[in-house]
Amino acid sequence: MALMVVLVFGNVVLRYAFSSGITVSEELSRWLFVWMTFLGAIVALKEHSHLGTDMLVAHLPLWGKKACLVVGQLAMLYVTWLLFQGSLEQARINWDVQAPVSGASMGIFYGSGVVFAVSAALLLVRELLRTLSGRAAESELVMVQESEDLAQVQALHLTEAAPGPGLGPKR
């Protein structure tokens, strides 16, 4: 991220102040952004931080939550397989194609999808095995966060403060 900021900011300053620029900075920044996005998605998958809605699943009994989680994990594994196939094929096709400015292999660009797919598949298989073996706690059966704010609150383990004397619920 820091390298992307330096490249883009430096290029902007060079263009406006000196009427020149670093030609490779745009291409390299784009490649770094794609790689950063895929690597960030791996981290989000590992930490169960993808946003989603649990409106239905949260109200299901334990067996229903497990069934929905297994179906979801199998669907994600299938999509990961499709992404792996497509990324690998693109990397193979473009391995001998040179990037317009840097001359680097375009296969490196498409390799980000391969790295993501392999990493995601390993994480998903691990989670699927935990779910099927019963080692996943009930709190782990809903793998999405309803909102970023809620996720931050849960991460900080903030709970509603205990009411003081006379401030409790009315009876």
Protein backbone atom coordinates (compact mmCIF):
# COMPACT_ATOMS: atom_id res chain seq x y z
CA MET A 1 0.00 0.00 0.00
CA ALA A 2 2.79 2.38 0.90
CA LEU A 3 4.57 1.68 -2.38
CA MET A 4 1.35 2.40 -4.31
CA VAL A 5 0.90 5.72 -2.50
CA VAL A 6 4.51 6.73 -3.11
CA LEU A 7 4.32 5.79 -6.81
CA VAL A 8 1.04 7.57 -7.48
CA PHE A 9 1.83 10.65 -5.38
CA GLY A 10 5.33 10.91 -6.83
CA ASN A 11 3.98 10.62 -10.35
CA VAL A 12 1.38 13.34 -9.73
CA VAL A 13 4.00 15.69 -8.31
CA LEU A 14 6.36 15.00 -11.20
CA ARG A 15 3.62 15.60 -13.78
CA TYR A 16 2.38 18.89 -12.37
CA ALA A 17 5.65 20.32 -11.05
CA PHE A 18 8.15 19.11 -13.64
CA SER A 19 6.05 18.05 -16.65
CA SER A 20 7.50 14.55 -16.48
CA GLY A 21 6.57 11.32 -14.79
CA ILE A 22 7.47 7.76 -14.03
CA THR A 23 5.87 5.71 -16.79
CA VAL A 24 5.99 2.42 -14.93
CA SER A 25 4.23 3.81 -11.83
CA GLU A 26 0.69 3.52 -13.21
CA GLU A 27 1.14 -0.06 -14.34
CA LEU A 28 2.90 -1.11 -11.15
CA SER A 29 0.30 0.62 -8.96
CA ARG A 30 -2.50 -1.18 -10.78
CA TRP A 31 -0.79 -4.55 -10.31
CA LEU A 32 -0.11 -3.84 -6.62
CA PHE A 33 -3.75 -2.83 -6.13
CA VAL A 34 -5.01 -6.09 -7.63
CA TRP A 35 -2.60 -8.17 -5.52
CA MET A 36 -3.49 -6.19 -2.38
CA THR A 37 -7.21 -6.76 -3.02
CA PHE A 38 -6.82 -10.52 -3.40
CA LEU A 39 -4.51 -10.81 -0.37
CA GLY A 40 -6.94 -8.72 1.68
CA ALA A 41 -9.77 -11.03 0.64
CA ILE A 42 -7.76 -13.99 1.99
CA VAL A 43 -7.36 -12.22 5.34
CA ALA A 44 -11.07 -11.32 5.42
CA LEU A 45 -12.02 -14.92 4.66
CA LYS A 46 -9.76 -16.22 7.43
CA GLU A 47 -11.16 -13.75 9.98
CA HIS A 48 -14.81 -14.15 8.87
CA SER A 49 -15.00 -10.40 8.22
CA HIS A 50 -16.90 -10.33 4.96
CA LEU A 51 -20.10 -8.35 5.19
CA GLY A 52 -23.40 -10.07 4.63
CA THR A 53 -26.80 -10.52 6.14
CA ASP A 54 -27.70 -13.06 8.75
CA MET A 55 -31.36 -12.07 9.04
CA LEU A 56 -32.61 -15.59 8.30
CA VAL A 57 -29.75 -17.78 9.50
CA ALA A 58 -29.50 -16.14 12.94
CA HIS A 59 -33.06 -17.28 13.72
CA LEU A 60 -32.62 -20.91 12.66
CA PRO A 61 -32.10 -23.76 15.09
CA LEU A 62 -28.59 -25.22 15.47
CA TRP A 63 -29.06 -27.87 12.78
CA GLY A 64 -30.38 -25.23 10.35
CA LYS A 65 -27.38 -22.97 10.95
CA LYS A 66 -25.04 -25.90 10.34
CA ALA A 67 -26.87 -26.92 7.17
CA CYS A 68 -26.79 -23.37 5.78
CA LEU A 69 -23.10 -23.03 6.65
CA VAL A 70 -22.19 -26.30 4.92
CA VAL A 71 -24.18 -25.33 1.81
CA GLY A 72 -22.53 -21.90 1.82
CA GLN A 73 -19.05 -23.36 2.24
CA LEU A 74 -19.61 -25.85 -0.58
CA ALA A 75 -20.88 -23.06 -2.84
CA MET A 76 -17.83 -20.94 -1.99
CA LEU A 77 -15.54 -23.88 -2.73
CA TYR A 78 -17.19 -24.30 -6.14
CA VAL A 79 -16.79 -20.61 -6.97
CA THR A 80 -13.19 -20.77 -5.74
CA TRP A 81 -12.59 -23.71 -8.10
CA LEU A 82 -14.02 -21.70 -11.01
CA LEU A 83 -11.81 -18.74 -10.10
CA PHE A 84 -8.78 -21.04 -9.88
CA GLN A 85 -9.45 -22.55 -13.30
CA GLY A 86 -9.99 -19.18 -14.95
CA SER A 87 -7.01 -17.49 -13.29
CA LEU A 88 -4.69 -20.38 -14.04
CA GLU A 89 -5.78 -20.43 -17.68
CA GLN A 90 -5.29 -16.65 -17.98
CA ALA A 91 -1.86 -16.89 -16.33
CA ARG A 92 -0.85 -19.63 -18.80
CA ILE A 93 -2.19 -17.75 -21.82
CA ASN A 94 -0.50 -14.50 -20.80
CA TRP A 95 2.78 -15.89 -19.46
CA ASP A 96 4.64 -14.91 -22.64
CA VAL A 97 2.77 -11.61 -23.04
CA GLN A 98 4.77 -8.61 -21.86
CA ALA A 99 3.19 -5.73 -19.97
CA PRO A 100 3.14 -2.58 -22.13
CA VAL A 101 5.43 -0.44 -19.97
CA SER A 102 7.45 -2.65 -17.62
CA GLY A 103 7.85 -5.61 -19.95
CA ALA A 104 7.08 -8.01 -17.09
CA SER A 105 5.03 -11.11 -17.76
CA MET A 106 1.28 -10.55 -17.61
CA GLY A 107 1.06 -13.98 -16.03
CA ILE A 108 2.18 -12.34 -12.76
CA PHE A 109 -0.92 -10.14 -12.87
CA TYR A 110 -3.26 -13.12 -13.30
CA GLY A 111 -1.32 -15.16 -10.76
CA SER A 112 -3.02 -13.16 -8.02
CA GLY A 113 -6.25 -15.05 -8.71
CA VAL A 114 -4.43 -18.38 -8.48
CA VAL A 115 -2.85 -17.44 -5.13
CA PHE A 116 -6.22 -16.31 -3.81
CA ALA A 117 -8.06 -19.41 -5.02
CA VAL A 118 -5.56 -21.85 -3.52
CA SER A 119 -5.43 -19.99 -0.20
CA ALA A 120 -9.21 -19.58 -0.04
CA ALA A 121 -9.78 -23.26 -0.86
CA LEU A 122 -7.47 -24.34 1.96
CA LEU A 123 -9.26 -22.04 4.42
CA LEU A 124 -12.70 -23.15 3.25
CA VAL A 125 -11.84 -26.86 3.44
CA ARG A 126 -10.50 -26.35 6.97
CA GLU A 127 -13.69 -24.55 8.01
CA LEU A 128 -15.88 -27.16 6.30
CA LEU A 129 -14.12 -29.96 8.18
CA ARG A 130 -14.53 -28.05 11.46
CA THR A 131 -18.24 -27.61 10.75
CA LEU A 132 -18.83 -31.25 9.75
CA SER A 133 -16.86 -32.63 12.71
CA GLY A 134 -18.83 -30.50 15.16
CA ARG A 135 -15.79 -28.57 16.40
CA ALA A 136 -17.24 -25.22 15.31
CA ALA A 137 -18.96 -23.39 18.16
CA GLU A 138 -22.52 -22.20 17.65
CA SER A 139 -21.29 -18.60 17.57
CA GLU A 140 -19.11 -19.50 14.56
CA LEU A 141 -21.96 -20.90 12.48
CA VAL A 142 -22.86 -17.49 11.05
CA MET A 143 -19.81 -16.50 9.00
CA VAL A 144 -20.73 -12.93 8.01
CA GLN A 145 -20.93 -9.60 9.79
CA GLU A 146 -24.13 -7.59 9.51
CA SER A 147 -22.26 -4.27 9.42
CA GLU A 148 -18.75 -2.92 9.85
CA ASP A 149 -19.77 -1.01 12.98
CA LEU A 150 -21.19 -4.13 14.58
CA ALA A 151 -18.06 -6.06 13.67
CA GLN A 152 -15.88 -3.43 15.36
CA VAL A 153 -17.99 -3.48 18.49
CA GLN A 154 -17.84 -7.27 18.67
CA ALA A 155 -14.10 -7.22 18.04
CA LEU A 156 -13.62 -4.88 20.98
CA HIS A 157 -15.87 -7.08 23.13
CA LEU A 158 -17.97 -4.11 24.10
CA THR A 159 -21.17 -5.00 25.80
CA GLU A 160 -23.99 -2.95 27.07
CA ALA A 161 -22.99 -1.41 30.40
CA ALA A 162 -24.70 -2.87 33.40
CA PRO A 163 -27.42 -0.52 34.59
CA GLY A 164 -26.84 1.30 37.86
CA PRO A 165 -29.29 1.34 40.79
CA GLY A 166 -32.73 2.37 39.70
CA LEU A 167 -31.77 2.26 36.02
CA GLY A 168 -32.64 -1.36 35.36
CA PRO A 169 -35.55 -2.57 33.25
CA LYS A 170 -39.02 -1.71 34.52
CA ARG A 171 -40.95 -4.59 35.94
